[in-house]
Each structure stands twice: as structure tokens, then as C-alpha cells.
Amino acid sequence: MKLNHRMPLVLVTAVALVLSGCGQEDPPEATTPAPGSTGAPASPPATTPSPDPQADPQQQAVDAYVRMQQAYQEAVGTADPDHPDLARYAAGEALQRLRDGIASIRDRGLRGRGEATFEPVVESLDPPGAPTRITVRDCMDTGGTELYDPSGQPYQDEPGGPRLVIATVEIVDGTWKVTSFGIQEVGTCQRAE
């Protein structure tokens, strides 16, 4: 299953200070973090529905991953580590890492803006027949994102670009949520043509 998503998401280079792995059995080394039809903007729902037993679990996992990214974008835009949608789509280690990264940005007086694109694919299902844990692999392009100082002071952000993301999505309290993730350095994946 491969989807191409384009939506607003800020690049948060400061989160690299907080995020250094994804906590999986074979985690990639992380350096930053960063639903619908191909190329279409996606909007998160107002509430988080429980997994529909008739719905495709792979699509539900990809949706949860993309919605976590959307929630992160909203939270970083206002530097709010307690944004309620973070807990709607992330849990455990993933949620704590998102909140810590956003708090780091807030404490430095910064905000984020811009647009990233996603190409999430399902990499593995556990167990294969009726998964409760799904690994999502993404080549997230953060080239159109930046951190900025809303007071007008200059801020030099590191350039973005294609980054490998590995995320674990699991059923937590009846809902698909991202429980761990790792984001690699720029240049660690190639975008599909």
C-alpha cells in the first residue's frame, strides 16, 4: 500500500536534540521528526474513531501516522506541547518525544511553518492475518519547512529534504496510534517519481 500525501507540516530541527531513535527492535538512528487520495490534502477528523473491524487495518495505520504528523504540525505552529490531537494519534514513547520536541522549540522562542510531503507504505504486519501492530515506512520530504522566530529575529534553520521515517502503529485502547518512530537525516531515502 503506497500513498502520496502533501500537507502542511513544519520541520522541527530542534527536536533532533530530543529525538534519537524510534525504540523498535531494529531502530533507525533518528535525527529529527518532522488519508486520502494520492496528492490530496488530508484533514484529520474531529474525533478519533475506534478501529472498524471491517476497515483495512493497513489503511487505518497509515491514516494514524499521517494524522499524527498533522497534529504535530498544528502543535509546532503554536508551540503547544499539550495540543490535544497529539494524544489522539500518538501514545507512549512517540507521544512523549513529540511533546518534548515541541517544548524545546517553545523554550527557544521558535515556531514552525511550511509544507512537507509523505509517501507512507506499510512495511510489515504483526500478526500477518489480523494485525495489531503495523510498521509504516515513509520518505518524508521536509524541504519546504522551516523554524522561525515570530519576534522577527533571524533564525538559521538546517535545510530539509527527503528523510527516511520508520513508525510503529498499534492498537492502543481500541484506536490505532503511533507508538514509536524514528526520522533519519536528510538524504536517507529517495522519493518516488
C-alpha atoms as a PDB file:
ATOM      1  CA  MET A   1       0.000   0.000   0.000  1.00  0.00           C
ATOM      2  CA  LYS A   2       1.575   3.248  -1.109  1.00  0.00           C
ATOM      3  CA  LEU A   3       0.111   6.716  -0.747  1.00  0.00           C
ATOM      4  CA  ASN A   4       1.498  10.126  -1.572  1.00  0.00           C
ATOM      5  CA  HIS A   5       0.374  12.810   0.855  1.00  0.00           C
ATOM      6  CA  ARG A   6       1.039  16.522   0.626  1.00  0.00           C
ATOM      7  CA  MET A   7       0.063  18.643   3.597  1.00  0.00           C
ATOM      8  CA  PRO A   8       1.410  21.356   5.852  1.00  0.00           C
ATOM      9  CA  LEU A   9       3.991  20.189   8.369  1.00  0.00           C
ATOM     10  CA  VAL A  10       6.806  22.112   9.928  1.00  0.00           C
ATOM     11  CA  LEU A  11      10.346  20.884  10.108  1.00  0.00           C
ATOM     12  CA  VAL A  12      11.489  20.925  13.678  1.00  0.00           C
ATOM     13  CA  THR A  13      15.234  20.682  13.679  1.00  0.00           C
ATOM     14  CA  ALA A  14      15.322  21.376  17.403  1.00  0.00           C
ATOM     15  CA  VAL A  15      13.553  18.101  18.027  1.00  0.00           C
ATOM     16  CA  ALA A  16      16.732  16.401  16.871  1.00  0.00           C
ATOM     17  CA  LEU A  17      18.133  17.323  20.248  1.00  0.00           C
ATOM     18  CA  VAL A  18      15.402  15.290  21.913  1.00  0.00           C
ATOM     19  CA  LEU A  19      14.731  12.511  19.426  1.00  0.00           C
ATOM     20  CA  SER A  20      17.461   9.975  18.911  1.00  0.00           C
ATOM     21  CA  GLY A  21      15.770   6.702  17.965  1.00  0.00           C
ATOM     22  CA  CYS A  22      12.461   5.066  17.379  1.00  0.00           C
ATOM     23  CA  GLY A  23      12.508   2.377  20.074  1.00  0.00           C
ATOM     24  CA  GLN A  24      11.876  -0.587  17.783  1.00  0.00           C
ATOM     25  CA  GLU A  25      13.749  -3.889  17.719  1.00  0.00           C
ATOM     26  CA  ASP A  26      15.953  -2.659  14.847  1.00  0.00           C
ATOM     27  CA  PRO A  27      15.584   1.104  15.189  1.00  0.00           C
ATOM     28  CA  PRO A  28      16.999   3.534  12.657  1.00  0.00           C
ATOM     29  CA  GLU A  29      19.009   6.335  14.137  1.00  0.00           C
ATOM     30  CA  ALA A  30      16.757   9.389  14.270  1.00  0.00           C
ATOM     31  CA  THR A  31      17.869  12.956  13.833  1.00  0.00           C
ATOM     32  CA  THR A  32      14.615  14.935  13.534  1.00  0.00           C
ATOM     33  CA  PRO A  33      10.930  14.375  13.349  1.00  0.00           C
ATOM     34  CA  ALA A  34       9.309  16.152  11.276  1.00  0.00           C
ATOM     35  CA  PRO A  35      -5.555   9.670   4.113  1.00  0.00           C
ATOM     36  CA  GLY A  36      -6.926  10.254   1.425  1.00  0.00           C
ATOM     37  CA  SER A  37      -6.157  10.000  -2.252  1.00  0.00           C
ATOM     38  CA  THR A  38      -2.743  10.496  -3.799  1.00  0.00           C
ATOM     39  CA  GLY A  39      -1.625  14.100  -3.686  1.00  0.00           C
ATOM     40  CA  ALA A  40      -4.724  15.357  -1.901  1.00  0.00           C
ATOM     41  CA  PRO A  41      -4.542  17.366   1.293  1.00  0.00           C
ATOM     42  CA  ALA A  42      -5.895  15.448   4.242  1.00  0.00           C
ATOM     43  CA  SER A  43      -7.927  16.753   7.145  1.00  0.00           C
ATOM     44  CA  PRO A  44      -7.979  14.974  10.479  1.00  0.00           C
ATOM     45  CA  PRO A  45     -11.388  14.016  11.794  1.00  0.00           C
ATOM     46  CA  ALA A  46     -12.864  15.866  14.761  1.00  0.00           C
ATOM     47  CA  THR A  47     -12.710  12.715  16.885  1.00  0.00           C
ATOM     48  CA  THR A  48     -10.707   9.520  16.860  1.00  0.00           C
ATOM     49  CA  PRO A  49     -12.896   6.579  15.933  1.00  0.00           C
ATOM     50  CA  SER A  50     -12.226   3.075  17.221  1.00  0.00           C
ATOM     51  CA  PRO A  51     -10.814   0.731  14.608  1.00  0.00           C
ATOM     52  CA  ASP A  52     -13.564  -0.545  12.359  1.00  0.00           C
ATOM     53  CA  PRO A  53     -13.248  -4.325  12.183  1.00  0.00           C
ATOM     54  CA  GLN A  54     -14.459  -4.167   8.569  1.00  0.00           C
ATOM     55  CA  ALA A  55     -11.927  -1.479   7.572  1.00  0.00           C
ATOM     56  CA  ASP A  56      -8.486  -2.226   6.177  1.00  0.00           C
ATOM     57  CA  PRO A  57      -6.022  -2.205   9.105  1.00  0.00           C
ATOM     58  CA  GLN A  58      -3.200  -1.123   6.781  1.00  0.00           C
ATOM     59  CA  GLN A  59      -5.131   1.988   5.746  1.00  0.00           C
ATOM     60  CA  GLN A  60      -6.026   2.694   9.376  1.00  0.00           C
ATOM     61  CA  ALA A  61      -2.346   2.513  10.366  1.00  0.00           C
ATOM     62  CA  VAL A  62      -1.276   4.825   7.532  1.00  0.00           C
ATOM     63  CA  ASP A  63      -4.100   7.226   8.442  1.00  0.00           C
ATOM     64  CA  ALA A  64      -2.985   7.282  12.093  1.00  0.00           C
ATOM     65  CA  TYR A  65       0.605   8.019  11.030  1.00  0.00           C
ATOM     66  CA  VAL A  66      -0.425  10.872   8.708  1.00  0.00           C
ATOM     67  CA  ARG A  67      -2.822  12.314  11.289  1.00  0.00           C
ATOM     68  CA  MET A  68      -0.059  12.248  13.910  1.00  0.00           C
ATOM     69  CA  GLN A  69       2.051  14.308  11.506  1.00  0.00           C
ATOM     70  CA  GLN A  70      -0.846  16.755  11.039  1.00  0.00           C
ATOM     71  CA  ALA A  71      -1.327  17.071  14.804  1.00  0.00           C
ATOM     72  CA  TYR A  72       2.395  17.686  15.206  1.00  0.00           C
ATOM     73  CA  GLN A  73       2.282  20.409  12.535  1.00  0.00           C
ATOM     74  CA  GLU A  74      -0.551  22.177  14.314  1.00  0.00           C
ATOM     75  CA  ALA A  75       1.156  21.885  17.700  1.00  0.00           C
ATOM     76  CA  VAL A  76       4.531  23.156  16.451  1.00  0.00           C
ATOM     77  CA  GLY A  77       2.885  26.071  14.657  1.00  0.00           C
ATOM     78  CA  THR A  78       1.727  27.342  18.051  1.00  0.00           C
ATOM     79  CA  ALA A  79       4.499  25.679  20.108  1.00  0.00           C
ATOM     80  CA  ASP A  80       1.892  23.843  22.210  1.00  0.00           C
ATOM     81  CA  PRO A  81       3.237  20.517  23.547  1.00  0.00           C
ATOM     82  CA  ASP A  82      -0.162  19.833  25.149  1.00  0.00           C
ATOM     83  CA  HIS A  83      -2.139  20.090  21.899  1.00  0.00           C
ATOM     84  CA  PRO A  84      -4.962  17.540  22.360  1.00  0.00           C
ATOM     85  CA  ASP A  85      -4.613  15.935  18.926  1.00  0.00           C
ATOM     86  CA  LEU A  86      -1.109  14.715  19.771  1.00  0.00           C
ATOM     87  CA  ALA A  87      -2.573  12.199  22.241  1.00  0.00           C
ATOM     88  CA  ARG A  88      -5.335  11.347  19.773  1.00  0.00           C
ATOM     89  CA  TYR A  89      -2.873   9.874  17.262  1.00  0.00           C
ATOM     90  CA  ALA A  90       0.261   9.055  19.298  1.00  0.00           C
ATOM     91  CA  ALA A  91       0.882   7.158  22.533  1.00  0.00           C
ATOM     92  CA  GLY A  92       3.729   6.073  24.776  1.00  0.00           C
ATOM     93  CA  GLU A  93       7.228   6.875  23.580  1.00  0.00           C
ATOM     94  CA  ALA A  94       6.030   8.598  20.403  1.00  0.00           C
ATOM     95  CA  LEU A  95       3.755  10.977  22.299  1.00  0.00           C
ATOM     96  CA  GLN A  96       6.436  11.844  24.850  1.00  0.00           C
ATOM     97  CA  ARG A  97       9.020  12.518  22.145  1.00  0.00           C
ATOM     98  CA  LEU A  98       6.648  14.793  20.223  1.00  0.00           C
ATOM     99  CA  ARG A  99       5.815  16.758  23.365  1.00  0.00           C
ATOM    100  CA  ASP A 100       9.477  17.060  24.398  1.00  0.00           C
ATOM    101  CA  GLY A 101      10.475  18.308  20.950  1.00  0.00           C
ATOM    102  CA  ILE A 102       7.708  20.908  20.844  1.00  0.00           C
ATOM    103  CA  ALA A 103       8.574  22.065  24.371  1.00  0.00           C
ATOM    104  CA  SER A 104      12.193  22.513  23.243  1.00  0.00           C
ATOM    105  CA  ILE A 105      11.056  24.706  20.361  1.00  0.00           C
ATOM    106  CA  ARG A 106       8.736  26.717  22.630  1.00  0.00           C
ATOM    107  CA  ASP A 107      11.514  27.230  25.167  1.00  0.00           C
ATOM    108  CA  ARG A 108      13.753  28.669  22.428  1.00  0.00           C
ATOM    109  CA  GLY A 109      11.003  31.090  21.360  1.00  0.00           C
ATOM    110  CA  LEU A 110      10.561  29.497  17.940  1.00  0.00           C
ATOM    111  CA  ARG A 111       7.635  28.316  15.811  1.00  0.00           C
ATOM    112  CA  GLY A 112       7.440  26.180  12.684  1.00  0.00           C
ATOM    113  CA  ARG A 113       5.840  26.630   9.288  1.00  0.00           C
ATOM    114  CA  GLY A 114       5.925  25.163   5.832  1.00  0.00           C
ATOM    115  CA  GLU A 115       4.823  22.102   3.944  1.00  0.00           C
ATOM    116  CA  ALA A 116       6.213  18.571   3.851  1.00  0.00           C
ATOM    117  CA  THR A 117       5.153  15.640   1.708  1.00  0.00           C
ATOM    118  CA  PHE A 118       4.758  11.995   2.634  1.00  0.00           C
ATOM    119  CA  GLU A 119       4.945   8.650   0.820  1.00  0.00           C
ATOM    120  CA  PRO A 120       3.974   6.159   3.542  1.00  0.00           C
ATOM    121  CA  VAL A 121       3.912   2.434   2.787  1.00  0.00           C
ATOM    122  CA  VAL A 122       3.110  -0.477   5.042  1.00  0.00           C
ATOM    123  CA  GLU A 123       6.279  -2.444   5.654  1.00  0.00           C
ATOM    124  CA  SER A 124       5.082  -5.235   7.962  1.00  0.00           C
ATOM    125  CA  LEU A 125       2.035  -6.606   9.779  1.00  0.00           C
ATOM    126  CA  ASP A 126       2.098  -8.353  13.149  1.00  0.00           C
ATOM    127  CA  PRO A 127       0.454 -10.809  13.209  1.00  0.00           C
ATOM    128  CA  PRO A 128       0.034 -11.061   9.425  1.00  0.00           C
ATOM    129  CA  GLY A 129      -3.588 -12.296   9.413  1.00  0.00           C
ATOM    130  CA  ALA A 130      -5.121  -9.887  11.936  1.00  0.00           C
ATOM    131  CA  PRO A 131      -2.542  -7.203  12.725  1.00  0.00           C
ATOM    132  CA  THR A 132      -2.492  -5.232  15.938  1.00  0.00           C
ATOM    133  CA  ARG A 133       0.949  -3.769  15.168  1.00  0.00           C
ATOM    134  CA  ILE A 134       1.953  -2.339  11.785  1.00  0.00           C
ATOM    135  CA  THR A 135       5.258  -0.849  10.685  1.00  0.00           C
ATOM    136  CA  VAL A 136       4.984   2.125   8.332  1.00  0.00           C
ATOM    137  CA  ARG A 137       7.949   3.283   6.222  1.00  0.00           C
ATOM    138  CA  ASP A 138       7.904   6.792   4.773  1.00  0.00           C
ATOM    139  CA  CYS A 139      10.101   9.050   2.691  1.00  0.00           C
ATOM    140  CA  MET A 140       9.085  12.383   4.190  1.00  0.00           C
ATOM    141  CA  ASP A 141      10.351  15.452   2.342  1.00  0.00           C
ATOM    142  CA  THR A 142      10.848  18.408   4.706  1.00  0.00           C
ATOM    143  CA  GLY A 143      12.418  20.697   2.085  1.00  0.00           C
ATOM    144  CA  GLY A 144       9.522  23.177   2.274  1.00  0.00           C
ATOM    145  CA  THR A 145       9.533  23.595   6.052  1.00  0.00           C
ATOM    146  CA  GLU A 146      11.375  25.835   8.489  1.00  0.00           C
ATOM    147  CA  LEU A 147      11.645  27.081  12.025  1.00  0.00           C
ATOM    148  CA  TYR A 148      11.229  30.805  12.532  1.00  0.00           C
ATOM    149  CA  ASP A 149      11.364  33.405  15.267  1.00  0.00           C
ATOM    150  CA  PRO A 150       7.959  35.112  15.465  1.00  0.00           C
ATOM    151  CA  SER A 151       9.551  38.177  17.088  1.00  0.00           C
ATOM    152  CA  GLY A 152      11.319  38.935  13.801  1.00  0.00           C
ATOM    153  CA  GLN A 153      14.799  37.916  14.935  1.00  0.00           C
ATOM    154  CA  PRO A 154      16.664  35.940  12.270  1.00  0.00           C
ATOM    155  CA  TYR A 155      16.907  32.195  12.768  1.00  0.00           C
ATOM    156  CA  GLN A 156      19.093  29.917  10.652  1.00  0.00           C
ATOM    157  CA  ASP A 157      17.403  26.550  10.280  1.00  0.00           C
ATOM    158  CA  GLU A 158      19.061  23.495   8.737  1.00  0.00           C
ATOM    159  CA  PRO A 159      17.841  22.726   5.203  1.00  0.00           C
ATOM    160  CA  GLY A 160      15.247  19.990   4.855  1.00  0.00           C
ATOM    161  CA  GLY A 161      14.888  17.241   2.282  1.00  0.00           C
ATOM    162  CA  PRO A 162      13.944  13.565   1.887  1.00  0.00           C
ATOM    163  CA  ARG A 163      14.195  11.675   5.190  1.00  0.00           C
ATOM    164  CA  LEU A 164      13.504   8.037   5.988  1.00  0.00           C
ATOM    165  CA  VAL A 165      10.845   7.583   8.686  1.00  0.00           C
ATOM    166  CA  ILE A 166      10.013   4.260  10.333  1.00  0.00           C
ATOM    167  CA  ALA A 167       6.924   4.288  12.568  1.00  0.00           C
ATOM    168  CA  THR A 168       5.228   1.601  14.637  1.00  0.00           C
ATOM    169  CA  VAL A 169       1.447   1.902  14.758  1.00  0.00           C
ATOM    170  CA  GLU A 170      -0.502  -0.215  17.241  1.00  0.00           C
ATOM    171  CA  ILE A 171      -3.988  -0.556  18.621  1.00  0.00           C
ATOM    172  CA  VAL A 172      -3.966   1.336  21.930  1.00  0.00           C
ATOM    173  CA  ASP A 173      -7.213   1.439  23.919  1.00  0.00           C
ATOM    174  CA  GLY A 174      -9.138   0.402  20.818  1.00  0.00           C
ATOM    175  CA  THR A 175      -7.596   3.005  18.481  1.00  0.00           C
ATOM    176  CA  TRP A 176      -4.701   2.885  16.010  1.00  0.00           C
ATOM    177  CA  LYS A 177      -1.906   5.161  17.302  1.00  0.00           C
ATOM    178  CA  VAL A 178       1.767   5.710  16.549  1.00  0.00           C
ATOM    179  CA  THR A 179       3.735   4.301  19.487  1.00  0.00           C
ATOM    180  CA  SER A 180       7.289   4.834  18.246  1.00  0.00           C
ATOM    181  CA  PHE A 181       9.062   6.433  15.309  1.00  0.00           C
ATOM    182  CA  GLY A 182      12.495   7.394  14.065  1.00  0.00           C
ATOM    183  CA  ILE A 183      13.422  10.020  11.495  1.00  0.00           C
ATOM    184  CA  GLN A 184      16.735   9.877   9.679  1.00  0.00           C
ATOM    185  CA  GLU A 185      18.944  12.633   8.298  1.00  0.00           C
ATOM    186  CA  VAL A 186      18.261  14.395   5.022  1.00  0.00           C
ATOM    187  CA  GLY A 187      19.179  12.185   2.064  1.00  0.00           C
ATOM    188  CA  THR A 188      18.348   8.824   3.689  1.00  0.00           C
ATOM    189  CA  CYS A 189      15.606   7.972   1.164  1.00  0.00           C
ATOM    190  CA  GLN A 190      14.679   8.702  -2.435  1.00  0.00           C
ATOM    191  CA  ARG A 191      11.277   9.987  -3.426  1.00  0.00           C
ATOM    192  CA  ALA A 192       9.211   8.017  -5.944  1.00  0.00           C
ATOM    193  CA  GLU A 193       8.944   9.664  -9.328  1.00  0.00           C
END
